[in-house]
Amino acid sequence: MNSTVSMIISALIFFFILRGQLSGMSKPLKKSGITLLLPILYISTSLMQLFDPSLHIHEGQVIIALLIGIIVSIPLIVTTNFEVRDNGNTYIKRNKTIFVLLIVIFALRFLAIATINSINPSTLSFMCNLMTFGYIATWRIISFIKFRGVSSSKQAVLSV
């Protein structure tokens, strides 16, 4: 898969993440919160690049890409919070910072692909997808845990 196709896929995923964040702030999350974990499934499809015969990636590159993804997820985790509103439903707290962070992350990804010439383009593309998988998976799993904590405290308040 060449860099152009990878960037188109990345742009689509980015669009769906932004749309999900916007809708999450305006409508309540379902009781189970499983919808928070769906982006992990969406981004995992990019791992199909592993079957590309032109891909030459080493363990160290995989570890570096995942570590960068985990580090990038930290500000996303900090800025993603949940609240129980007057109607008793749980919502993602409104926060414009999350959109700025997502745009910066996406811009840095474009910049990396445009400027790094020392790595094979298909390998670089896969590393960027792996980094994206790392930050989305980390961010969404921890967000799910935060959501469950807010939902369980809401249940405790409702049962009292």
C-alpha atoms as a PDB file:
ATOM      1  CA  MET A   1       0.000   0.000   0.000  1.00  0.00           C
ATOM      2  CA  ASN A   2       1.518   3.328  -0.964  1.00  0.00           C
ATOM      3  CA  SER A   3       1.630   6.460   1.175  1.00  0.00           C
ATOM      4  CA  THR A   4      -1.222   8.175  -0.665  1.00  0.00           C
ATOM      5  CA  VAL A   5      -3.668   5.354   0.013  1.00  0.00           C
ATOM      6  CA  SER A   6      -2.497   5.194   3.609  1.00  0.00           C
ATOM      7  CA  MET A   7      -3.069   8.924   4.073  1.00  0.00           C
ATOM      8  CA  ILE A   8      -6.552   8.684   2.538  1.00  0.00           C
ATOM      9  CA  ILE A   9      -7.398   5.892   4.973  1.00  0.00           C
ATOM     10  CA  SER A  10      -5.923   7.959   7.800  1.00  0.00           C
ATOM     11  CA  ALA A  11      -7.989  10.983   6.783  1.00  0.00           C
ATOM     12  CA  LEU A  12     -11.161   8.880   6.796  1.00  0.00           C
ATOM     13  CA  ILE A  13     -10.356   7.450  10.213  1.00  0.00           C
ATOM     14  CA  PHE A  14      -9.550  10.968  11.452  1.00  0.00           C
ATOM     15  CA  PHE A  15     -12.901  12.202  10.130  1.00  0.00           C
ATOM     16  CA  PHE A  16     -14.770   9.386  11.904  1.00  0.00           C
ATOM     17  CA  ILE A  17     -12.923  10.073  15.166  1.00  0.00           C
ATOM     18  CA  LEU A  18     -13.830  13.771  15.038  1.00  0.00           C
ATOM     19  CA  ARG A  19     -17.424  12.958  14.140  1.00  0.00           C
ATOM     20  CA  GLY A  20     -17.612  10.456  16.988  1.00  0.00           C
ATOM     21  CA  GLN A  21     -16.248  12.977  19.451  1.00  0.00           C
ATOM     22  CA  LEU A  22     -18.750  15.615  18.306  1.00  0.00           C
ATOM     23  CA  SER A  23     -21.718  13.260  18.498  1.00  0.00           C
ATOM     24  CA  GLY A  24     -20.490  11.865  21.816  1.00  0.00           C
ATOM     25  CA  MET A  25     -20.660  15.308  23.340  1.00  0.00           C
ATOM     26  CA  SER A  26     -24.226  15.879  22.212  1.00  0.00           C
ATOM     27  CA  LYS A  27     -25.848  12.502  22.742  1.00  0.00           C
ATOM     28  CA  PRO A  28     -25.569  10.094  25.648  1.00  0.00           C
ATOM     29  CA  LEU A  29     -23.358   7.049  25.525  1.00  0.00           C
ATOM     30  CA  LYS A  30     -25.047   3.679  25.669  1.00  0.00           C
ATOM     31  CA  LYS A  31     -25.130   1.973  29.053  1.00  0.00           C
ATOM     32  CA  SER A  32     -22.330  -0.480  28.238  1.00  0.00           C
ATOM     33  CA  GLY A  33     -19.999   2.096  26.637  1.00  0.00           C
ATOM     34  CA  ILE A  34     -18.852  -0.430  24.040  1.00  0.00           C
ATOM     35  CA  THR A  35     -19.096   2.267  21.359  1.00  0.00           C
ATOM     36  CA  LEU A  36     -15.989   3.815  22.905  1.00  0.00           C
ATOM     37  CA  LEU A  37     -14.031   0.729  21.879  1.00  0.00           C
ATOM     38  CA  LEU A  38     -15.221   0.550  18.256  1.00  0.00           C
ATOM     39  CA  PRO A  39     -12.476   2.846  16.868  1.00  0.00           C
ATOM     40  CA  ILE A  40      -9.945   0.208  17.942  1.00  0.00           C
ATOM     41  CA  LEU A  41     -11.677  -2.225  15.622  1.00  0.00           C
ATOM     42  CA  TYR A  42     -11.723   0.323  12.797  1.00  0.00           C
ATOM     43  CA  ILE A  43      -8.027   1.150  13.035  1.00  0.00           C
ATOM     44  CA  SER A  44      -7.036  -2.494  13.421  1.00  0.00           C
ATOM     45  CA  THR A  45      -7.986  -3.016   9.772  1.00  0.00           C
ATOM     46  CA  SER A  46      -4.884  -1.009   8.830  1.00  0.00           C
ATOM     47  CA  LEU A  47      -2.791  -3.807  10.316  1.00  0.00           C
ATOM     48  CA  MET A  48      -3.640  -5.806   7.199  1.00  0.00           C
ATOM     49  CA  GLN A  49      -0.564  -4.110   5.737  1.00  0.00           C
ATOM     50  CA  LEU A  50       1.415  -6.855   7.451  1.00  0.00           C
ATOM     51  CA  PHE A  51       0.517  -9.044   4.480  1.00  0.00           C
ATOM     52  CA  ASP A  52       2.183  -6.620   2.039  1.00  0.00           C
ATOM     53  CA  PRO A  53       5.291  -8.391   0.670  1.00  0.00           C
ATOM     54  CA  SER A  54       7.117  -5.055   0.225  1.00  0.00           C
ATOM     55  CA  LEU A  55       6.869  -4.330   3.954  1.00  0.00           C
ATOM     56  CA  HIS A  56      10.205  -4.673   5.728  1.00  0.00           C
ATOM     57  CA  ILE A  57       9.746  -3.853   9.387  1.00  0.00           C
ATOM     58  CA  HIS A  58      11.857  -4.819  12.382  1.00  0.00           C
ATOM     59  CA  GLU A  59      10.798  -5.464  15.972  1.00  0.00           C
ATOM     60  CA  GLY A  60      12.473  -2.239  17.096  1.00  0.00           C
ATOM     61  CA  GLN A  61      10.417  -0.198  14.637  1.00  0.00           C
ATOM     62  CA  VAL A  62       7.220  -1.832  15.898  1.00  0.00           C
ATOM     63  CA  ILE A  63       8.127  -1.096  19.512  1.00  0.00           C
ATOM     64  CA  ILE A  64       9.069   2.520  18.741  1.00  0.00           C
ATOM     65  CA  ALA A  65       5.836   3.133  16.810  1.00  0.00           C
ATOM     66  CA  LEU A  66       3.713   1.672  19.607  1.00  0.00           C
ATOM     67  CA  LEU A  67       5.593   3.619  22.302  1.00  0.00           C
ATOM     68  CA  ILE A  68       5.145   6.877  20.394  1.00  0.00           C
ATOM     69  CA  GLY A  69       1.441   6.036  20.089  1.00  0.00           C
ATOM     70  CA  ILE A  70       1.138   5.429  23.813  1.00  0.00           C
ATOM     71  CA  ILE A  71       2.929   8.704  24.592  1.00  0.00           C
ATOM     72  CA  VAL A  72       0.696  10.596  22.142  1.00  0.00           C
ATOM     73  CA  SER A  73      -2.381   9.140  23.856  1.00  0.00           C
ATOM     74  CA  ILE A  74      -1.550  10.757  27.210  1.00  0.00           C
ATOM     75  CA  PRO A  75      -2.915  14.253  26.410  1.00  0.00           C
ATOM     76  CA  LEU A  76      -5.972  12.652  24.807  1.00  0.00           C
ATOM     77  CA  ILE A  77      -6.583  10.612  27.949  1.00  0.00           C
ATOM     78  CA  VAL A  78      -6.178  13.648  30.198  1.00  0.00           C
ATOM     79  CA  THR A  79      -8.625  15.755  28.174  1.00  0.00           C
ATOM     80  CA  THR A  80     -11.295  13.062  27.734  1.00  0.00           C
ATOM     81  CA  ASN A  81     -13.719  12.998  30.653  1.00  0.00           C
ATOM     82  CA  PHE A  82     -17.312  12.021  31.215  1.00  0.00           C
ATOM     83  CA  GLU A  83     -20.203  13.592  33.057  1.00  0.00           C
ATOM     84  CA  VAL A  84     -23.657  12.572  34.166  1.00  0.00           C
ATOM     85  CA  ARG A  85     -26.111  15.272  33.139  1.00  0.00           C
ATOM     86  CA  ASP A  86     -29.456  16.167  34.712  1.00  0.00           C
ATOM     87  CA  ASN A  87     -31.305  13.585  32.627  1.00  0.00           C
ATOM     88  CA  GLY A  88     -29.236  10.808  34.264  1.00  0.00           C
ATOM     89  CA  ASN A  89     -27.313   9.890  31.102  1.00  0.00           C
ATOM     90  CA  THR A  90     -23.544   9.839  30.708  1.00  0.00           C
ATOM     91  CA  TYR A  91     -21.942  12.120  28.105  1.00  0.00           C
ATOM     92  CA  ILE A  92     -18.426  12.973  27.006  1.00  0.00           C
ATOM     93  CA  LYS A  93     -17.596  16.314  28.622  1.00  0.00           C
ATOM     94  CA  ARG A  94     -17.399  19.167  26.147  1.00  0.00           C
ATOM     95  CA  ASN A  95     -13.763  20.011  25.548  1.00  0.00           C
ATOM     96  CA  LYS A  96     -12.369  21.872  22.536  1.00  0.00           C
ATOM     97  CA  THR A  97      -8.813  20.868  23.428  1.00  0.00           C
ATOM     98  CA  ILE A  98      -9.448  17.332  22.206  1.00  0.00           C
ATOM     99  CA  PHE A  99     -10.113  18.620  18.687  1.00  0.00           C
ATOM    100  CA  VAL A 100      -6.936  20.703  18.701  1.00  0.00           C
ATOM    101  CA  LEU A 101      -4.940  17.682  19.888  1.00  0.00           C
ATOM    102  CA  LEU A 102      -6.390  15.437  17.187  1.00  0.00           C
ATOM    103  CA  ILE A 103      -5.646  17.996  14.477  1.00  0.00           C
ATOM    104  CA  VAL A 104      -2.064  18.419  15.729  1.00  0.00           C
ATOM    105  CA  ILE A 105      -1.533  14.652  15.825  1.00  0.00           C
ATOM    106  CA  PHE A 106      -2.882  14.276  12.310  1.00  0.00           C
ATOM    107  CA  ALA A 107      -0.732  17.176  11.025  1.00  0.00           C
ATOM    108  CA  LEU A 108       2.386  15.662  12.623  1.00  0.00           C
ATOM    109  CA  ARG A 109       1.625  12.379  10.918  1.00  0.00           C
ATOM    110  CA  PHE A 110       1.419  14.123   7.528  1.00  0.00           C
ATOM    111  CA  LEU A 111       4.647  15.959   8.288  1.00  0.00           C
ATOM    112  CA  ALA A 112       6.447  12.739   9.252  1.00  0.00           C
ATOM    113  CA  ILE A 113       5.412  10.968   6.067  1.00  0.00           C
ATOM    114  CA  ALA A 114       6.376  13.985   3.945  1.00  0.00           C
ATOM    115  CA  THR A 115       9.811  14.525   5.512  1.00  0.00           C
ATOM    116  CA  ILE A 116      11.191  11.136   6.556  1.00  0.00           C
ATOM    117  CA  ASN A 117      13.030   9.715   3.565  1.00  0.00           C
ATOM    118  CA  SER A 118      15.348   7.259   5.307  1.00  0.00           C
ATOM    119  CA  ILE A 119      12.621   4.626   5.738  1.00  0.00           C
ATOM    120  CA  ASN A 120      10.893   2.729   2.935  1.00  0.00           C
ATOM    121  CA  PRO A 121       7.516   4.464   2.252  1.00  0.00           C
ATOM    122  CA  SER A 122       5.463   1.307   2.874  1.00  0.00           C
ATOM    123  CA  THR A 123       7.315   0.683   6.139  1.00  0.00           C
ATOM    124  CA  LEU A 124       6.855   4.306   7.210  1.00  0.00           C
ATOM    125  CA  SER A 125       3.184   4.118   6.328  1.00  0.00           C
ATOM    126  CA  PHE A 126       2.787   0.975   8.409  1.00  0.00           C
ATOM    127  CA  MET A 127       4.676   2.534  11.318  1.00  0.00           C
ATOM    128  CA  CYS A 128       2.341   5.548  11.219  1.00  0.00           C
ATOM    129  CA  ASN A 129      -0.672   3.233  11.198  1.00  0.00           C
ATOM    130  CA  LEU A 130       0.830   1.268  14.078  1.00  0.00           C
ATOM    131  CA  MET A 131       1.409   4.502  16.014  1.00  0.00           C
ATOM    132  CA  THR A 132      -2.211   5.483  15.327  1.00  0.00           C
ATOM    133  CA  PHE A 133      -3.356   2.089  16.539  1.00  0.00           C
ATOM    134  CA  GLY A 134      -1.253   2.562  19.688  1.00  0.00           C
ATOM    135  CA  TYR A 135      -2.749   5.913  20.634  1.00  0.00           C
ATOM    136  CA  ILE A 136      -6.319   5.084  19.671  1.00  0.00           C
ATOM    137  CA  ALA A 137      -6.271   1.746  21.504  1.00  0.00           C
ATOM    138  CA  THR A 138      -4.685   3.232  24.634  1.00  0.00           C
ATOM    139  CA  TRP A 139      -6.901   6.330  24.622  1.00  0.00           C
ATOM    140  CA  ARG A 140     -10.126   4.408  24.031  1.00  0.00           C
ATOM    141  CA  ILE A 141      -9.440   1.619  26.527  1.00  0.00           C
ATOM    142  CA  ILE A 142      -8.644   4.105  29.286  1.00  0.00           C
ATOM    143  CA  SER A 143     -11.635   6.241  28.250  1.00  0.00           C
ATOM    144  CA  PHE A 144     -13.799   3.120  28.534  1.00  0.00           C
ATOM    145  CA  ILE A 145     -12.432   2.520  32.045  1.00  0.00           C
ATOM    146  CA  LYS A 146     -13.158   6.171  32.956  1.00  0.00           C
ATOM    147  CA  PHE A 147     -16.673   5.829  31.520  1.00  0.00           C
ATOM    148  CA  ARG A 148     -17.312   2.675  33.538  1.00  0.00           C
ATOM    149  CA  GLY A 149     -16.142   4.477  36.675  1.00  0.00           C
ATOM    150  CA  VAL A 150     -18.513   7.400  36.067  1.00  0.00           C
ATOM    151  CA  SER A 151     -21.365   5.030  35.155  1.00  0.00           C
ATOM    152  CA  SER A 152     -20.857   2.876  38.262  1.00  0.00           C
ATOM    153  CA  SER A 153     -20.811   5.963  40.486  1.00  0.00           C
ATOM    154  CA  LYS A 154     -24.005   7.119  38.777  1.00  0.00           C
ATOM    155  CA  GLN A 155     -25.599   3.733  39.516  1.00  0.00           C
ATOM    156  CA  ALA A 156     -24.516   3.994  43.148  1.00  0.00           C
ATOM    157  CA  VAL A 157     -26.116   7.445  43.428  1.00  0.00           C
ATOM    158  CA  LEU A 158     -29.326   6.242  41.755  1.00  0.00           C
ATOM    159  CA  SER A 159     -29.653   3.229  44.065  1.00  0.00           C
ATOM    160  CA  VAL A 160     -29.284   5.285  47.252  1.00  0.00           C
END
